[in-house]
N, C-alpha and C. Protein backbone atom coordinates (compact mmCIF):
# COMPACT_ATOMS: atom_id res chain seq x y z
N MET A 1 4.88 34.91 23.41
CA MET A 1 5.61 34.23 22.36
C MET A 1 4.77 34.25 21.09
N ILE A 2 5.36 34.70 20.01
CA ILE A 2 4.68 34.78 18.73
C ILE A 2 5.02 33.54 17.92
N VAL A 3 3.98 32.86 17.45
CA VAL A 3 4.18 31.67 16.65
C VAL A 3 4.26 32.09 15.18
N THR A 4 5.41 31.85 14.58
CA THR A 4 5.62 32.22 13.18
C THR A 4 5.59 30.97 12.31
N ALA A 5 5.78 31.17 11.03
CA ALA A 5 5.80 30.05 10.09
C ALA A 5 6.97 29.12 10.38
N ASP A 6 8.05 29.64 10.95
CA ASP A 6 9.20 28.79 11.28
C ASP A 6 8.83 27.69 12.27
N TRP A 7 7.98 28.03 13.24
CA TRP A 7 7.54 27.03 14.21
C TRP A 7 6.74 25.93 13.52
N TYR A 8 5.87 26.32 12.62
CA TYR A 8 5.07 25.34 11.91
C TYR A 8 5.94 24.48 10.98
N MET A 9 6.91 25.10 10.36
CA MET A 9 7.82 24.34 9.49
C MET A 9 8.65 23.34 10.31
N THR A 10 9.08 23.74 11.49
CA THR A 10 9.83 22.83 12.36
C THR A 10 8.95 21.68 12.82
N LEU A 11 7.72 21.99 13.21
CA LEU A 11 6.78 20.95 13.61
C LEU A 11 6.51 19.99 12.46
N ALA A 12 6.34 20.53 11.25
CA ALA A 12 6.11 19.69 10.08
C ALA A 12 7.31 18.80 9.80
N ALA A 13 8.52 19.33 9.97
CA ALA A 13 9.72 18.53 9.76
C ALA A 13 9.81 17.39 10.77
N VAL A 14 9.47 17.67 12.02
CA VAL A 14 9.48 16.63 13.06
C VAL A 14 8.44 15.56 12.74
N LEU A 15 7.24 15.98 12.36
CA LEU A 15 6.20 15.02 12.00
C LEU A 15 6.61 14.17 10.80
N PHE A 16 7.25 14.80 9.82
CA PHE A 16 7.68 14.07 8.64
C PHE A 16 8.75 13.04 9.00
N VAL A 17 9.69 13.41 9.86
CA VAL A 17 10.74 12.48 10.28
C VAL A 17 10.15 11.32 11.07
N VAL A 18 9.19 11.60 11.94
CA VAL A 18 8.54 10.52 12.69
C VAL A 18 7.81 9.58 11.73
N GLY A 19 7.13 10.15 10.74
CA GLY A 19 6.45 9.31 9.75
C GLY A 19 7.42 8.49 8.92
N ALA A 20 8.52 9.10 8.51
CA ALA A 20 9.52 8.37 7.73
C ALA A 20 10.16 7.26 8.56
N ALA A 21 10.42 7.53 9.83
CA ALA A 21 10.98 6.49 10.70
C ALA A 21 9.99 5.35 10.88
N GLY A 22 8.71 5.67 11.05
CA GLY A 22 7.70 4.62 11.17
C GLY A 22 7.59 3.80 9.91
N LEU A 23 7.74 4.44 8.76
CA LEU A 23 7.66 3.72 7.49
C LEU A 23 8.86 2.80 7.29
N LEU A 24 10.03 3.25 7.70
CA LEU A 24 11.24 2.47 7.47
C LEU A 24 11.51 1.41 8.53
N LEU A 25 11.05 1.64 9.75
CA LEU A 25 11.42 0.76 10.85
C LEU A 25 10.38 -0.29 11.20
N ARG A 26 9.13 -0.07 10.84
CA ARG A 26 8.07 -1.00 11.20
C ARG A 26 7.78 -1.95 10.04
N ASN A 27 7.27 -3.13 10.35
CA ASN A 27 6.94 -4.06 9.29
C ASN A 27 5.46 -4.44 9.27
N ASN A 28 4.64 -3.74 10.03
CA ASN A 28 3.20 -3.93 10.00
C ASN A 28 2.61 -2.98 8.96
N ALA A 29 1.80 -3.52 8.07
CA ALA A 29 1.27 -2.72 6.96
C ALA A 29 0.40 -1.57 7.46
N LEU A 30 -0.38 -1.78 8.52
CA LEU A 30 -1.22 -0.71 9.04
C LEU A 30 -0.40 0.43 9.64
N VAL A 31 0.66 0.09 10.36
CA VAL A 31 1.52 1.13 10.93
C VAL A 31 2.23 1.89 9.81
N MET A 32 2.66 1.19 8.80
CA MET A 32 3.31 1.85 7.66
C MET A 32 2.32 2.77 6.94
N PHE A 33 1.09 2.32 6.83
CA PHE A 33 0.04 3.12 6.19
C PHE A 33 -0.22 4.40 6.99
N MET A 34 -0.28 4.28 8.32
CA MET A 34 -0.48 5.46 9.16
C MET A 34 0.73 6.40 9.08
N SER A 35 1.92 5.83 8.92
CA SER A 35 3.12 6.66 8.80
C SER A 35 3.09 7.48 7.51
N VAL A 36 2.61 6.90 6.42
CA VAL A 36 2.48 7.64 5.17
C VAL A 36 1.47 8.77 5.34
N GLU A 37 0.37 8.50 6.04
CA GLU A 37 -0.63 9.55 6.29
C GLU A 37 -0.06 10.67 7.15
N LEU A 38 0.78 10.31 8.13
CA LEU A 38 1.42 11.33 8.96
C LEU A 38 2.36 12.19 8.13
N MET A 39 3.07 11.58 7.20
CA MET A 39 3.95 12.34 6.32
C MET A 39 3.15 13.27 5.41
N LEU A 40 2.02 12.81 4.91
CA LEU A 40 1.16 13.67 4.08
C LEU A 40 0.63 14.86 4.88
N ASN A 41 0.26 14.62 6.13
CA ASN A 41 -0.23 15.72 6.96
C ASN A 41 0.89 16.70 7.30
N ALA A 42 2.11 16.22 7.43
CA ALA A 42 3.24 17.12 7.64
C ALA A 42 3.44 18.02 6.43
N VAL A 43 3.30 17.46 5.25
CA VAL A 43 3.41 18.27 4.03
C VAL A 43 2.27 19.28 3.95
N ASN A 44 1.07 18.85 4.35
CA ASN A 44 -0.07 19.79 4.38
C ASN A 44 0.19 20.95 5.32
N LEU A 45 0.77 20.67 6.47
CA LEU A 45 1.10 21.73 7.42
C LEU A 45 2.11 22.69 6.82
N THR A 46 3.06 22.17 6.08
CA THR A 46 4.05 23.01 5.40
C THR A 46 3.38 23.91 4.37
N PHE A 47 2.47 23.34 3.57
CA PHE A 47 1.76 24.13 2.58
C PHE A 47 0.97 25.27 3.22
N VAL A 48 0.26 24.98 4.29
CA VAL A 48 -0.56 26.00 4.95
C VAL A 48 0.32 27.07 5.60
N ALA A 49 1.41 26.67 6.24
CA ALA A 49 2.29 27.64 6.87
C ALA A 49 2.94 28.55 5.84
N ALA A 50 3.37 27.99 4.72
CA ALA A 50 3.98 28.81 3.68
C ALA A 50 2.96 29.74 3.05
N ALA A 51 1.75 29.25 2.85
CA ALA A 51 0.71 30.09 2.26
C ALA A 51 0.35 31.24 3.20
N ARG A 52 0.30 30.96 4.49
CA ARG A 52 -0.02 32.03 5.45
C ARG A 52 1.11 33.05 5.53
N ALA A 53 2.34 32.57 5.46
CA ALA A 53 3.49 33.49 5.52
C ALA A 53 3.55 34.40 4.32
N HIS A 54 3.13 33.90 3.16
CA HIS A 54 3.19 34.69 1.94
C HIS A 54 1.88 35.38 1.61
N GLY A 55 0.84 35.13 2.41
CA GLY A 55 -0.44 35.76 2.17
C GLY A 55 -1.09 35.28 0.88
N ASP A 56 -0.89 34.02 0.56
CA ASP A 56 -1.38 33.45 -0.69
C ASP A 56 -2.34 32.31 -0.38
N ILE A 57 -3.29 32.07 -1.25
CA ILE A 57 -4.23 30.99 -1.05
C ILE A 57 -3.79 29.70 -1.75
N GLY A 58 -2.70 29.74 -2.47
CA GLY A 58 -2.23 28.58 -3.21
C GLY A 58 -1.92 27.39 -2.33
N GLY A 59 -1.44 27.63 -1.13
CA GLY A 59 -1.13 26.53 -0.21
C GLY A 59 -2.37 25.78 0.21
N GLN A 60 -3.45 26.52 0.47
CA GLN A 60 -4.70 25.86 0.84
C GLN A 60 -5.26 25.05 -0.33
N MET A 61 -5.07 25.53 -1.54
CA MET A 61 -5.53 24.78 -2.70
C MET A 61 -4.71 23.49 -2.87
N ALA A 62 -3.42 23.57 -2.62
CA ALA A 62 -2.58 22.37 -2.69
C ALA A 62 -2.99 21.36 -1.62
N VAL A 63 -3.33 21.84 -0.43
CA VAL A 63 -3.78 20.96 0.65
C VAL A 63 -5.07 20.26 0.25
N LEU A 64 -5.96 20.98 -0.40
CA LEU A 64 -7.21 20.37 -0.85
C LEU A 64 -6.94 19.21 -1.79
N PHE A 65 -6.04 19.38 -2.73
CA PHE A 65 -5.72 18.31 -3.67
C PHE A 65 -5.00 17.15 -2.97
N VAL A 66 -4.12 17.45 -2.02
CA VAL A 66 -3.45 16.38 -1.28
C VAL A 66 -4.46 15.59 -0.46
N LEU A 67 -5.44 16.26 0.13
CA LEU A 67 -6.45 15.55 0.91
C LEU A 67 -7.32 14.66 0.03
N VAL A 68 -7.61 15.10 -1.18
CA VAL A 68 -8.39 14.27 -2.10
C VAL A 68 -7.60 13.02 -2.48
N VAL A 69 -6.32 13.18 -2.77
CA VAL A 69 -5.48 12.03 -3.11
C VAL A 69 -5.33 11.11 -1.90
N ALA A 70 -5.19 11.68 -0.71
CA ALA A 70 -5.05 10.87 0.51
C ALA A 70 -6.32 10.09 0.79
N ALA A 71 -7.48 10.68 0.52
CA ALA A 71 -8.74 9.96 0.73
C ALA A 71 -8.85 8.78 -0.22
N ALA A 72 -8.45 8.97 -1.47
CA ALA A 72 -8.47 7.87 -2.43
C ALA A 72 -7.47 6.79 -2.02
N GLU A 73 -6.32 7.22 -1.52
CA GLU A 73 -5.30 6.27 -1.07
C GLU A 73 -5.80 5.45 0.10
N VAL A 74 -6.51 6.09 1.03
CA VAL A 74 -7.05 5.38 2.19
C VAL A 74 -8.06 4.34 1.74
N ALA A 75 -8.93 4.71 0.82
CA ALA A 75 -9.96 3.76 0.37
C ALA A 75 -9.33 2.54 -0.30
N VAL A 76 -8.41 2.76 -1.20
CA VAL A 76 -7.78 1.64 -1.92
C VAL A 76 -6.81 0.88 -1.01
N GLY A 77 -6.00 1.60 -0.27
CA GLY A 77 -5.01 0.96 0.59
C GLY A 77 -5.62 0.11 1.68
N LEU A 78 -6.64 0.61 2.35
CA LEU A 78 -7.27 -0.20 3.39
C LEU A 78 -7.99 -1.41 2.82
N ALA A 79 -8.56 -1.26 1.63
CA ALA A 79 -9.20 -2.42 1.00
C ALA A 79 -8.17 -3.50 0.69
N ILE A 80 -7.01 -3.11 0.22
CA ILE A 80 -5.95 -4.08 -0.06
C ILE A 80 -5.44 -4.72 1.22
N ILE A 81 -5.24 -3.93 2.25
CA ILE A 81 -4.73 -4.46 3.51
C ILE A 81 -5.74 -5.42 4.14
N VAL A 82 -7.02 -5.07 4.11
CA VAL A 82 -8.05 -5.96 4.68
C VAL A 82 -8.13 -7.25 3.87
N SER A 83 -8.02 -7.16 2.56
CA SER A 83 -8.06 -8.35 1.72
C SER A 83 -6.89 -9.28 2.02
N ILE A 84 -5.71 -8.72 2.16
CA ILE A 84 -4.53 -9.53 2.48
C ILE A 84 -4.64 -10.11 3.88
N PHE A 85 -5.16 -9.32 4.82
CA PHE A 85 -5.29 -9.81 6.20
C PHE A 85 -6.28 -10.96 6.27
N ARG A 86 -7.35 -10.89 5.51
CA ARG A 86 -8.34 -11.97 5.53
C ARG A 86 -7.77 -13.26 4.96
N SER A 87 -6.93 -13.17 3.96
CA SER A 87 -6.39 -14.39 3.36
C SER A 87 -5.17 -14.91 4.11
N ARG A 88 -4.36 -14.04 4.69
CA ARG A 88 -3.11 -14.45 5.34
C ARG A 88 -3.17 -14.45 6.86
N GLN A 89 -4.15 -13.80 7.46
CA GLN A 89 -4.28 -13.66 8.91
C GLN A 89 -3.11 -12.90 9.54
N THR A 90 -2.43 -12.08 8.75
CA THR A 90 -1.34 -11.25 9.26
C THR A 90 -1.25 -9.99 8.40
N ALA A 91 -0.74 -8.93 9.01
CA ALA A 91 -0.55 -7.68 8.28
C ALA A 91 0.94 -7.35 8.15
N SER A 92 1.79 -8.34 8.32
CA SER A 92 3.24 -8.13 8.24
C SER A 92 3.67 -8.05 6.78
N VAL A 93 4.46 -7.05 6.46
CA VAL A 93 4.91 -6.87 5.09
C VAL A 93 6.01 -7.88 4.74
N ASP A 94 6.63 -8.49 5.72
CA ASP A 94 7.63 -9.52 5.43
C ASP A 94 6.98 -10.73 4.77
N ASP A 95 5.74 -11.03 5.15
CA ASP A 95 5.03 -12.15 4.53
C ASP A 95 4.50 -11.79 3.16
N LEU A 96 4.36 -10.53 2.87
CA LEU A 96 3.80 -10.11 1.58
C LEU A 96 4.81 -10.26 0.45
N SER A 97 6.08 -10.36 0.75
CA SER A 97 7.08 -10.52 -0.30
C SER A 97 6.93 -11.86 -1.01
N GLU A 98 6.26 -12.80 -0.38
CA GLU A 98 6.02 -14.11 -0.98
C GLU A 98 4.95 -14.05 -2.08
N LEU A 99 4.20 -12.95 -2.15
CA LEU A 99 3.13 -12.85 -3.14
C LEU A 99 3.65 -12.58 -4.53
N SER A 100 4.87 -12.10 -4.65
CA SER A 100 5.39 -11.81 -6.00
C SER A 100 5.63 -13.12 -6.74
N GLY A 101 5.26 -13.13 -8.03
CA GLY A 101 5.28 -14.33 -8.84
C GLY A 101 6.63 -14.85 -9.05
């Protein structure tokens, strides 16, 4: 069996749907955060598969930039989640709606 870019695109679509479902259906901030990371990795897989199919390095360059943005997001996002957890003793996003002025 030959694995083509179509297989990788299908896998990326499944991963993206799982991440989107986790983001929409869960109310724990950490699970939602992991779901966003799963969606970003699905997009990275799409970039790499398309770049390999076209024989271009542009996809790998896009993945590099997405990984840099994801690393910054992890640093800031986890700091915010830990700060909220320390003050509220919960990571539920339903309780976070009370923070708006």
